[in-house]
PDB file of N, CA and C in Angstrom:
ATOM      1  N   UNK A   1      28.392 -11.093 -10.709  1.00  0.00           N
ATOM      2  CA  UNK A   1      28.257 -10.115  -9.636  1.00  0.00           C
ATOM      3  C   UNK A   1      26.927  -9.370  -9.786  1.00  0.00           C
ATOM      4  N   UNK A   2      26.248  -9.172  -8.687  1.00  0.00           N
ATOM      5  CA  UNK A   2      24.950  -8.494  -8.721  1.00  0.00           C
ATOM      6  C   UNK A   2      25.134  -6.992  -8.581  1.00  0.00           C
ATOM      7  N   UNK A   3      24.149  -6.278  -9.054  1.00  0.00           N
ATOM      8  CA  UNK A   3      24.140  -4.827  -8.983  1.00  0.00           C
ATOM      9  C   UNK A   3      23.914  -4.396  -7.534  1.00  0.00           C
ATOM     10  N   UNK A   4      24.803  -3.562  -6.962  1.00  0.00           N
ATOM     11  CA  UNK A   4      24.620  -3.150  -5.558  1.00  0.00           C
ATOM     12  C   UNK A   4      23.422  -2.231  -5.347  1.00  0.00           C
ATOM     13  N   UNK A   5      22.882  -1.663  -6.401  1.00  0.00           N
ATOM     14  CA  UNK A   5      21.736  -0.763  -6.280  1.00  0.00           C
ATOM     15  C   UNK A   5      20.426  -1.546  -6.184  1.00  0.00           C
ATOM     16  N   UNK A   6      20.400  -2.771  -6.688  1.00  0.00           N
ATOM     17  CA  UNK A   6      19.166  -3.553  -6.742  1.00  0.00           C
ATOM     18  C   UNK A   6      18.492  -3.736  -5.376  1.00  0.00           C
ATOM     19  N   UNK A   7      19.208  -4.098  -4.312  1.00  0.00           N
ATOM     20  CA  UNK A   7      18.520  -4.234  -3.010  1.00  0.00           C
ATOM     21  C   UNK A   7      17.845  -2.930  -2.567  1.00  0.00           C
ATOM     22  N   UNK A   8      18.487  -1.799  -2.829  1.00  0.00           N
ATOM     23  CA  UNK A   8      17.878  -0.517  -2.480  1.00  0.00           C
ATOM     24  C   UNK A   8      16.605  -0.290  -3.289  1.00  0.00           C
ATOM     25  N   UNK A   9      16.642  -0.597  -4.589  1.00  0.00           N
ATOM     26  CA  UNK A   9      15.463  -0.411  -5.433  1.00  0.00           C
ATOM     27  C   UNK A   9      14.312  -1.309  -4.998  1.00  0.00           C
ATOM     28  N   UNK A  10      14.613  -2.544  -4.636  1.00  0.00           N
ATOM     29  CA  UNK A  10      13.569  -3.460  -4.158  1.00  0.00           C
ATOM     30  C   UNK A  10      12.977  -2.921  -2.859  1.00  0.00           C
ATOM     31  N   UNK A  11      13.826  -2.442  -1.959  1.00  0.00           N
ATOM     32  CA  UNK A  11      13.352  -1.871  -0.701  1.00  0.00           C
ATOM     33  C   UNK A  11      12.486  -0.640  -0.956  1.00  0.00           C
ATOM     34  N   UNK A  12      12.930   0.244  -1.837  1.00  0.00           N
ATOM     35  CA  UNK A  12      12.188   1.460  -2.152  1.00  0.00           C
ATOM     36  C   UNK A  12      10.839   1.118  -2.798  1.00  0.00           C
ATOM     37  N   UNK A  13      10.830   0.161  -3.718  1.00  0.00           N
ATOM     38  CA  UNK A  13       9.574  -0.285  -4.319  1.00  0.00           C
ATOM     39  C   UNK A  13       8.645  -0.878  -3.276  1.00  0.00           C
ATOM     40  N   UNK A  14       9.207  -1.569  -2.286  1.00  0.00           N
ATOM     41  CA  UNK A  14       8.398  -2.142  -1.208  1.00  0.00           C
ATOM     42  C   UNK A  14       7.747  -1.028  -0.387  1.00  0.00           C
ATOM     43  N   UNK A  15       8.481   0.049  -0.138  1.00  0.00           N
ATOM     44  CA  UNK A  15       7.903   1.204   0.564  1.00  0.00           C
ATOM     45  C   UNK A  15       6.741   1.801  -0.217  1.00  0.00           C
ATOM     46  N   UNK A  16       6.957   1.996  -1.509  1.00  0.00           N
ATOM     47  CA  UNK A  16       5.903   2.567  -2.342  1.00  0.00           C
ATOM     48  C   UNK A  16       4.697   1.628  -2.440  1.00  0.00           C
ATOM     49  N   UNK A  17       4.963   0.335  -2.516  1.00  0.00           N
ATOM     50  CA  UNK A  17       3.875  -0.646  -2.561  1.00  0.00           C
ATOM     51  C   UNK A  17       3.056  -0.587  -1.273  1.00  0.00           C
ATOM     52  N   UNK A  18       3.724  -0.424  -0.133  1.00  0.00           N
ATOM     53  CA  UNK A  18       3.016  -0.286   1.139  1.00  0.00           C
ATOM     54  C   UNK A  18       2.139   0.952   1.160  1.00  0.00           C
ATOM     55  N   UNK A  19       2.640   2.051   0.618  1.00  0.00           N
ATOM     56  CA  UNK A  19       1.843   3.278   0.544  1.00  0.00           C
ATOM     57  C   UNK A  19       0.626   3.076  -0.352  1.00  0.00           C
ATOM     58  N   UNK A  20       0.818   2.381  -1.459  1.00  0.00           N
ATOM     59  CA  UNK A  20      -0.298   2.132  -2.383  1.00  0.00           C
ATOM     60  C   UNK A  20      -1.355   1.237  -1.746  1.00  0.00           C
ATOM     61  N   UNK A  21      -0.911   0.187  -1.061  1.00  0.00           N
ATOM     62  CA  UNK A  21      -1.855  -0.715  -0.401  1.00  0.00           C
ATOM     63  C   UNK A  21      -2.628   0.001   0.708  1.00  0.00           C
ATOM     64  N   UNK A  22      -1.938   0.874   1.439  1.00  0.00           N
ATOM     65  CA  UNK A  22      -2.604   1.643   2.492  1.00  0.00           C
ATOM     66  C   UNK A  22      -3.708   2.509   1.896  1.00  0.00           C
ATOM     67  N   UNK A  23      -3.403   3.186   0.819  1.00  0.00           N
ATOM     68  CA  UNK A  23      -4.411   4.017   0.161  1.00  0.00           C
ATOM     69  C   UNK A  23      -5.552   3.159  -0.383  1.00  0.00           C
ATOM     70  N   UNK A  24      -5.214   2.023  -0.954  1.00  0.00           N
ATOM     71  CA  UNK A  24      -6.234   1.124  -1.485  1.00  0.00           C
ATOM     72  C   UNK A  24      -7.227   0.712  -0.403  1.00  0.00           C
ATOM     73  N   UNK A  25      -6.727   0.402   0.771  1.00  0.00           N
ATOM     74  CA  UNK A  25      -7.578  -0.044   1.874  1.00  0.00           C
ATOM     75  C   UNK A  25      -8.427   1.097   2.429  1.00  0.00           C
ATOM     76  N   UNK A  26      -7.848   2.270   2.601  1.00  0.00           N
ATOM     77  CA  UNK A  26      -8.524   3.327   3.353  1.00  0.00           C
ATOM     78  C   UNK A  26      -9.241   4.375   2.518  1.00  0.00           C
ATOM     79  N   UNK A  27      -8.869   4.557   1.239  1.00  0.00           N
ATOM     80  CA  UNK A  27      -9.398   5.710   0.518  1.00  0.00           C
ATOM     81  C   UNK A  27      -9.896   5.450  -0.891  1.00  0.00           C
ATOM     82  N   UNK A  28      -9.374   4.468  -1.576  1.00  0.00           N
ATOM     83  CA  UNK A  28      -9.684   4.319  -3.000  1.00  0.00           C
ATOM     84  C   UNK A  28     -11.143   3.988  -3.260  1.00  0.00           C
ATOM     85  N   UNK A  29     -11.625   4.504  -4.356  1.00  0.00           N
ATOM     86  CA  UNK A  29     -13.014   4.289  -4.750  1.00  0.00           C
ATOM     87  C   UNK A  29     -13.303   2.811  -5.031  1.00  0.00           C
ATOM     88  N   UNK A  30     -12.317   2.115  -5.582  1.00  0.00           N
ATOM     89  CA  UNK A  30     -12.528   0.714  -5.953  1.00  0.00           C
ATOM     90  C   UNK A  30     -12.807  -0.171  -4.735  1.00  0.00           C
ATOM     91  N   UNK A  31     -12.349   0.232  -3.569  1.00  0.00           N
ATOM     92  CA  UNK A  31     -12.610  -0.543  -2.348  1.00  0.00           C
ATOM     93  C   UNK A  31     -13.673   0.118  -1.465  1.00  0.00           C
ATOM     94  N   UNK A  32     -14.338   1.130  -1.995  1.00  0.00           N
ATOM     95  CA  UNK A  32     -15.352   1.838  -1.202  1.00  0.00           C
ATOM     96  C   UNK A  32     -16.496   0.913  -0.786  1.00  0.00           C
ATOM     97  N   UNK A  33     -17.010   0.104  -1.718  1.00  0.00           N
ATOM     98  CA  UNK A  33     -18.163  -0.763  -1.405  1.00  0.00           C
ATOM     99  C   UNK A  33     -17.851  -1.742  -0.266  1.00  0.00           C
ATOM    100  N   UNK A  34     -16.749  -2.502  -0.323  1.00  0.00           N
ATOM    101  CA  UNK A  34     -16.491  -3.400   0.810  1.00  0.00           C
ATOM    102  C   UNK A  34     -16.186  -2.649   2.108  1.00  0.00           C
ATOM    103  N   UNK A  35     -15.537  -1.493   1.988  1.00  0.00           N
ATOM    104  CA  UNK A  35     -15.234  -0.697   3.186  1.00  0.00           C
ATOM    105  C   UNK A  35     -16.531  -0.206   3.823  1.00  0.00           C
ATOM    106  N   UNK A  36     -17.435   0.340   3.016  1.00  0.00           N
ATOM    107  CA  UNK A  36     -18.716   0.825   3.551  1.00  0.00           C
ATOM    108  C   UNK A  36     -19.574  -0.318   4.068  1.00  0.00           C
ATOM    109  N   UNK A  37     -19.530  -1.468   3.414  1.00  0.00           N
ATOM    110  CA  UNK A  37     -20.256  -2.650   3.890  1.00  0.00           C
ATOM    111  C   UNK A  37     -19.794  -3.001   5.305  1.00  0.00           C
ATOM    112  N   UNK A  38     -18.469  -3.040   5.498  1.00  0.00           N
ATOM    113  CA  UNK A  38     -17.933  -3.368   6.825  1.00  0.00           C
ATOM    114  C   UNK A  38     -18.281  -2.285   7.840  1.00  0.00           C
ATOM    115  N   UNK A  39     -18.195  -1.023   7.438  1.00  0.00           N
ATOM    116  CA  UNK A  39     -18.509   0.073   8.361  1.00  0.00           C
ATOM    117  C   UNK A  39     -19.967   0.049   8.804  1.00  0.00           C
ATOM    118  N   UNK A  40     -20.886  -0.319   7.912  1.00  0.00           N
ATOM    119  CA  UNK A  40     -22.309  -0.394   8.286  1.00  0.00           C
ATOM    120  C   UNK A  40     -22.575  -1.491   9.312  1.00  0.00           C
ATOM    121  N   UNK A  41     -21.785  -2.529   9.289  1.00  0.00           N
ATOM    122  CA  UNK A  41     -22.021  -3.668  10.174  1.00  0.00           C
ATOM    123  C   UNK A  41     -21.317  -3.540  11.526  1.00  0.00           C
ATOM    124  N   UNK A  42     -20.430  -2.598  11.641  1.00  0.00           N
ATOM    125  CA  UNK A  42     -19.729  -2.409  12.915  1.00  0.00           C
ATOM    126  C   UNK A  42     -20.444  -1.360  13.751  1.00  0.00           C
ATOM    127  N   UNK A  43     -20.443  -1.530  15.068  1.00  0.00           N
ATOM    128  CA  UNK A  43     -21.090  -0.527  15.928  1.00  0.00           C
ATOM    129  C   UNK A  43     -20.340   0.813  15.868  1.00  0.00           C
ATOM    130  N   UNK A  44     -21.077   1.892  16.133  1.00  0.00           N
ATOM    131  CA  UNK A  44     -20.455   3.221  16.159  1.00  0.00           C
ATOM    132  C   UNK A  44     -19.292   3.239  17.144  1.00  0.00           C
ATOM    133  N   UNK A  45     -18.208   3.833  16.713  1.00  0.00           N
ATOM    134  CA  UNK A  45     -17.040   3.955  17.571  1.00  0.00           C
ATOM    135  C   UNK A  45     -16.167   2.719  17.657  1.00  0.00           C
ATOM    136  N   UNK A  46     -16.474   1.681  16.920  1.00  0.00           N
ATOM    137  CA  UNK A  46     -15.684   0.453  16.947  1.00  0.00           C
ATOM    138  C   UNK A  46     -14.282   0.725  16.394  1.00  0.00           C
ATOM    139  N   UNK A  47     -13.273   0.169  17.036  1.00  0.00           N
ATOM    140  CA  UNK A  47     -11.894   0.419  16.614  1.00  0.00           C
ATOM    141  C   UNK A  47     -11.606  -0.090  15.206  1.00  0.00           C
ATOM    142  N   UNK A  48     -12.228  -1.185  14.805  1.00  0.00           N
ATOM    143  CA  UNK A  48     -12.011  -1.693  13.452  1.00  0.00           C
ATOM    144  C   UNK A  48     -12.572  -0.723  12.416  1.00  0.00           C
ATOM    145  N   UNK A  49     -13.685  -0.075  12.731  1.00  0.00           N
ATOM    146  CA  UNK A  49     -14.245   0.930  11.820  1.00  0.00           C
ATOM    147  C   UNK A  49     -13.263   2.080  11.644  1.00  0.00           C
ATOM    148  N   UNK A  50     -12.657   2.501  12.727  1.00  0.00           N
ATOM    149  CA  UNK A  50     -11.649   3.567  12.658  1.00  0.00           C
ATOM    150  C   UNK A  50     -10.454   3.116  11.829  1.00  0.00           C
ATOM    151  N   UNK A  51     -10.071   1.876  12.006  1.00  0.00           N
ATOM    152  CA  UNK A  51      -8.920   1.341  11.274  1.00  0.00           C
ATOM    153  C   UNK A  51      -9.167   1.339   9.772  1.00  0.00           C
ATOM    154  N   UNK A  52     -10.390   1.108   9.340  1.00  0.00           N
ATOM    155  CA  UNK A  52     -10.692   1.051   7.908  1.00  0.00           C
ATOM    156  C   UNK A  52     -10.573   2.395   7.202  1.00  0.00           C
ATOM    157  N   UNK A  53     -10.569   3.484   7.952  1.00  0.00           N
ATOM    158  CA  UNK A  53     -10.494   4.805   7.333  1.00  0.00           C
ATOM    159  C   UNK A  53      -9.268   5.609   7.769  1.00  0.00           C
ATOM    160  N   UNK A  54      -8.482   5.080   8.656  1.00  0.00           N
ATOM    161  CA  UNK A  54      -7.305   5.797   9.172  1.00  0.00           C
ATOM    162  C   UNK A  54      -6.036   5.324   8.458  1.00  0.00           C
ATOM    163  N   UNK A  55      -5.542   6.148   7.547  1.00  0.00           N
ATOM    164  CA  UNK A  55      -4.332   5.779   6.790  1.00  0.00           C
ATOM    165  C   UNK A  55      -3.133   5.567   7.709  1.00  0.00           C
ATOM    166  N   UNK A  56      -3.008   6.411   8.714  1.00  0.00           N
ATOM    167  CA  UNK A  56      -1.879   6.301   9.641  1.00  0.00           C
ATOM    168  C   UNK A  56      -1.912   4.958  10.366  1.00  0.00           C
ATOM    169  N   UNK A  57      -3.101   4.541  10.791  1.00  0.00           N
ATOM    170  CA  UNK A  57      -3.258   3.274  11.511  1.00  0.00           C
ATOM    171  C   UNK A  57      -2.996   2.077  10.603  1.00  0.00           C
ATOM    172  N   UNK A  58      -3.606   2.082   9.430  1.00  0.00           N
ATOM    173  CA  UNK A  58      -3.448   0.962   8.502  1.00  0.00           C
ATOM    174  C   UNK A  58      -2.004   0.840   8.045  1.00  0.00           C
ATOM    175  N   UNK A  59      -1.321   1.975   7.900  1.00  0.00           N
ATOM    176  CA  UNK A  59       0.058   1.934   7.411  1.00  0.00           C
ATOM    177  C   UNK A  59       0.973   1.128   8.334  1.00  0.00           C
ATOM    178  N   UNK A  60       0.672   1.102   9.622  1.00  0.00           N
ATOM    179  CA  UNK A  60       1.489   0.317  10.549  1.00  0.00           C
ATOM    180  C   UNK A  60       1.374  -1.174  10.242  1.00  0.00           C
ATOM    181  N   UNK A  61       0.157  -1.626   9.974  1.00  0.00           N
ATOM    182  CA  UNK A  61      -0.053  -3.043   9.675  1.00  0.00           C
ATOM    183  C   UNK A  61       0.424  -3.406   8.277  1.00  0.00           C
ATOM    184  N   UNK A  62       0.159  -2.545   7.320  1.00  0.00           N
ATOM    185  CA  UNK A  62       0.636  -2.789   5.958  1.00  0.00           C
ATOM    186  C   UNK A  62       2.161  -2.749   5.933  1.00  0.00           C
ATOM    187  N   UNK A  63       2.748  -1.801   6.655  1.00  0.00           N
ATOM    188  CA  UNK A  63       4.208  -1.714   6.725  1.00  0.00           C
ATOM    189  C   UNK A  63       4.833  -2.966   7.325  1.00  0.00           C
ATOM    190  N   UNK A  64       4.212  -3.495   8.355  1.00  0.00           N
ATOM    191  CA  UNK A  64       4.704  -4.738   8.968  1.00  0.00           C
ATOM    192  C   UNK A  64       4.620  -5.894   7.981  1.00  0.00           C
ATOM    193  N   UNK A  65       3.491  -5.995   7.288  1.00  0.00           N
ATOM    194  CA  UNK A  65       3.311  -7.082   6.318  1.00  0.00           C
ATOM    195  C   UNK A  65       4.266  -6.948   5.133  1.00  0.00           C
ATOM    196  N   UNK A  66       4.452  -5.728   4.623  1.00  0.00           N
ATOM    197  CA  UNK A  66       5.361  -5.562   3.490  1.00  0.00           C
ATOM    198  C   UNK A  66       6.808  -5.773   3.904  1.00  0.00           C
ATOM    199  N   UNK A  67       7.160  -5.368   5.106  1.00  0.00           N
ATOM    200  CA  UNK A  67       8.532  -5.606   5.576  1.00  0.00           C
ATOM    201  C   UNK A  67       8.800  -7.102   5.733  1.00  0.00           C
ATOM    202  N   UNK A  68       7.844  -7.815   6.307  1.00  0.00           N
ATOM    203  CA  UNK A  68       8.003  -9.266   6.453  1.00  0.00           C
ATOM    204  C   UNK A  68       8.082  -9.939   5.088  1.00  0.00           C
ATOM    205  N   UNK A  69       7.265  -9.482   4.148  1.00  0.00           N
ATOM    206  CA  UNK A  69       7.294 -10.043   2.793  1.00  0.00           C
ATOM    207  C   UNK A  69       8.627  -9.762   2.118  1.00  0.00           C
ATOM    208  N   UNK A  70       9.126  -8.554   2.297  1.00  0.00           N
ATOM    209  CA  UNK A  70      10.423  -8.175   1.720  1.00  0.00           C
ATOM    210  C   UNK A  70      11.540  -9.062   2.281  1.00  0.00           C
ATOM    211  N   UNK A  71      11.499  -9.289   3.590  1.00  0.00           N
ATOM    212  CA  UNK A  71      12.526 -10.132   4.212  1.00  0.00           C
ATOM    213  C   UNK A  71      12.429 -11.573   3.702  1.00  0.00           C
ATOM    214  N   UNK A  72      11.213 -12.072   3.506  1.00  0.00           N
ATOM    215  CA  UNK A  72      11.029 -13.461   3.106  1.00  0.00           C
ATOM    216  C   UNK A  72      11.226 -13.682   1.613  1.00  0.00           C
ATOM    217  N   UNK A  73      10.724 -12.748   0.792  1.00  0.00           N
ATOM    218  CA  UNK A  73      10.688 -12.995  -0.658  1.00  0.00           C
ATOM    219  C   UNK A  73      11.311 -11.887  -1.489  1.00  0.00           C
ATOM    220  N   UNK A  74      12.063 -10.990  -0.886  1.00  0.00           N
ATOM    221  CA  UNK A  74      12.629  -9.846  -1.597  1.00  0.00           C
ATOM    222  C   UNK A  74      13.486 -10.201  -2.797  1.00  0.00           C
ATOM    223  N   UNK A  75      14.048 -11.396  -2.819  1.00  0.00           N
ATOM    224  CA  UNK A  75      14.889 -11.813  -3.945  1.00  0.00           C
ATOM    225  C   UNK A  75      14.102 -12.485  -5.057  1.00  0.00           C
ATOM    226  N   UNK A  76      12.829 -12.740  -4.842  1.00  0.00           N
ATOM    227  CA  UNK A  76      12.032 -13.469  -5.825  1.00  0.00           C
ATOM    228  C   UNK A  76      11.487 -12.516  -6.891  1.00  0.00           C
ATOM    229  N   UNK A  77      11.499 -12.930  -8.142  1.00  0.00           N
ATOM    230  CA  UNK A  77      11.068 -12.066  -9.243  1.00  0.00           C
ATOM    231  C   UNK A  77       9.585 -11.702  -9.155  1.00  0.00           C
ATOM    232  N   UNK A  78       8.766 -12.585  -8.604  1.00  0.00           N
ATOM    233  CA  UNK A  78       7.332 -12.267  -8.471  1.00  0.00           C
ATOM    234  C   UNK A  78       7.150 -11.130  -7.466  1.00  0.00           C
ATOM    235  N   UNK A  79       7.836 -11.206  -6.337  1.00  0.00           N
ATOM    236  CA  UNK A  79       7.748 -10.139  -5.337  1.00  0.00           C
ATOM    237  C   UNK A  79       8.216  -8.826  -5.939  1.00  0.00           C
ATOM    238  N   UNK A  80       9.325  -8.866  -6.660  1.00  0.00           N
ATOM    239  CA  UNK A  80       9.851  -7.646  -7.277  1.00  0.00           C
ATOM    240  C   UNK A  80       8.864  -7.070  -8.283  1.00  0.00           C
ATOM    241  N   UNK A  81       8.235  -7.932  -9.056  1.00  0.00           N
ATOM    242  CA  UNK A  81       7.265  -7.463 -10.042  1.00  0.00           C
ATOM    243  C   UNK A  81       6.037  -6.842  -9.410  1.00  0.00           C
ATOM    244  N   UNK A  82       5.516  -7.499  -8.386  1.00  0.00           N
ATOM    245  CA  UNK A  82       4.317  -6.988  -7.707  1.00  0.00           C
ATOM    246  C   UNK A  82       4.608  -5.661  -7.024  1.00  0.00           C
ATOM    247  N   UNK A  83       5.725  -5.578  -6.310  1.00  0.00           N
ATOM    248  CA  UNK A  83       6.045  -4.322  -5.619  1.00  0.00           C
ATOM    249  C   UNK A  83       6.364  -3.214  -6.621  1.00  0.00           C
ATOM    250  N   UNK A  84       6.995  -3.549  -7.734  1.00  0.00           N
ATOM    251  CA  UNK A  84       7.266  -2.537  -8.763  1.00  0.00           C
ATOM    252  C   UNK A  84       5.950  -2.011  -9.340  1.00  0.00           C
ATOM    253  N   UNK A  85       5.014  -2.904  -9.624  1.00  0.00           N
ATOM    254  CA  UNK A  85       3.731  -2.480 -10.177  1.00  0.00           C
ATOM    255  C   UNK A  85       2.965  -1.603  -9.189  1.00  0.00           C
ATOM    256  N   UNK A  86       2.905  -2.026  -7.932  1.00  0.00           N
ATOM    257  CA  UNK A  86       2.201  -1.235  -6.917  1.00  0.00           C
ATOM    258  C   UNK A  86       2.894   0.103  -6.683  1.00  0.00           C
ATOM    259  N   UNK A  87       4.216   0.078  -6.612  1.00  0.00           N
ATOM    260  CA  UNK A  87       4.977   1.310  -6.398  1.00  0.00           C
ATOM    261  C   UNK A  87       4.817   2.284  -7.547  1.00  0.00           C
ATOM    262  N   UNK A  88       4.886   1.771  -8.768  1.00  0.00           N
ATOM    263  CA  UNK A  88       4.704   2.643  -9.932  1.00  0.00           C
ATOM    264  C   UNK A  88       3.283   3.179  -9.984  1.00  0.00           C
ATOM    265  N   UNK A  89       2.314   2.369  -9.614  1.00  0.00           N
ATOM    266  CA  UNK A  89       0.928   2.814  -9.567  1.00  0.00           C
ATOM    267  C   UNK A  89       0.791   3.982  -8.594  1.00  0.00           C
ATOM    268  N   UNK A  90       1.436   3.883  -7.464  1.00  0.00           N
ATOM    269  CA  UNK A  90       1.354   4.948  -6.465  1.00  0.00           C
ATOM    270  C   UNK A  90       1.966   6.242  -6.991  1.00  0.00           C
ATOM    271  N   UNK A  91       3.154   6.146  -7.563  1.00  0.00           N
ATOM    272  CA  UNK A  91       3.845   7.343  -8.051  1.00  0.00           C
ATOM    273  C   UNK A  91       3.098   7.955  -9.231  1.00  0.00           C
ATOM    274  N   UNK A  92       2.677   7.137 -10.186  1.00  0.00           N
ATOM    275  CA  UNK A  92       1.957   7.658 -11.351  1.00  0.00           C
ATOM    276  C   UNK A  92       0.634   8.297 -10.926  1.00  0.00           C
ATOM    277  N   UNK A  93      -0.084   7.661 -10.001  1.00  0.00           N
ATOM    278  CA  UNK A  93      -1.323   8.248  -9.498  1.00  0.00           C
ATOM    279  C   UNK A  93      -1.089   9.570  -8.795  1.00  0.00           C
ATOM    280  N   UNK A  94      -0.040   9.634  -8.015  1.00  0.00           N
ATOM    281  CA  UNK A  94       0.300  10.868  -7.304  1.00  0.00           C
ATOM    282  C   UNK A  94       0.643  11.984  -8.296  1.00  0.00           C
ATOM    283  N   UNK A  95       1.438  11.662  -9.295  1.00  0.00           N
ATOM    284  CA  UNK A  95       1.796  12.657 -10.309  1.00  0.00           C
ATOM    285  C   UNK A  95       0.571  13.110 -11.110  1.00  0.00           C
ATOM    286  N   UNK A  96      -0.287  12.164 -11.459  1.00  0.00           N
ATOM    287  CA  UNK A  96      -1.494  12.510 -12.218  1.00  0.00           C
ATOM    288  C   UNK A  96      -2.401  13.430 -11.408  1.00  0.00           C
ATOM    289  N   UNK A  97      -2.520  13.190 -10.126  1.00  0.00           N
ATOM    290  CA  UNK A  97      -3.350  14.037  -9.263  1.00  0.00           C
ATOM    291  C   UNK A  97      -2.774  15.454  -9.184  1.00  0.00           C
ATOM    292  N   UNK A  98      -1.463  15.562  -9.166  1.00  0.00           N
ATOM    293  CA  UNK A  98      -0.823  16.887  -9.118  1.00  0.00           C
ATOM    294  C   UNK A  98      -1.059  17.625 -10.426  1.00  0.00           C
ATOM    295  N   UNK A  99      -1.055  16.898 -11.528  1.00  0.00           N
ATOM    296  CA  UNK A  99      -1.279  17.504 -12.830  1.00  0.00           C
ATOM    297  C   UNK A  99      -2.710  18.014 -12.951  1.00  0.00           C
ATOM    298  N   UNK A 100      -3.667  17.246 -12.432  1.00  0.00           N
ATOM    299  CA  UNK A 100      -5.074  17.642 -12.496  1.00  0.00           C
ATOM    300  C   UNK A 100      -5.346  18.904 -11.687  1.00  0.00           C
ATOM    301  N   UNK A 101      -4.643  19.052 -10.573  1.00  0.00           N
ATOM    302  CA  UNK A 101      -4.910  20.188  -9.686  1.00  0.00           C
ATOM    303  C   UNK A 101      -4.243  21.478 -10.164  1.00  0.00           C
ATOM    304  N   UNK A 102      -3.368  21.386 -11.147  1.00  0.00           N
ATOM    305  CA  UNK A 102      -2.693  22.618 -11.598  1.00  0.00           C
ATOM    306  C   UNK A 102      -3.339  23.210 -12.821  1.00  0.00           C
TER     307      UNK A 102
END
């Protein structure tokens, strides 16, 4: 018999992984160079340029992709591992930022 809490944990980790990926795309320093490269090549006011810096906008696409991935591979150990790592990264980073500001 499987643990009834496991599907909830996988779903919750998928949510956190989506939040982490959204931040990675729109704000993180590690992706700044490719983001700025793309922004320099797009005309002023281009919708794709806005998408690269708008967390709210990117979250819709990342959320769709993570939901589809969860539906397709949510039972697979690789998916669970990746989403757990991304989700934990998001929470630990958030907690560390709160600690620095206090």
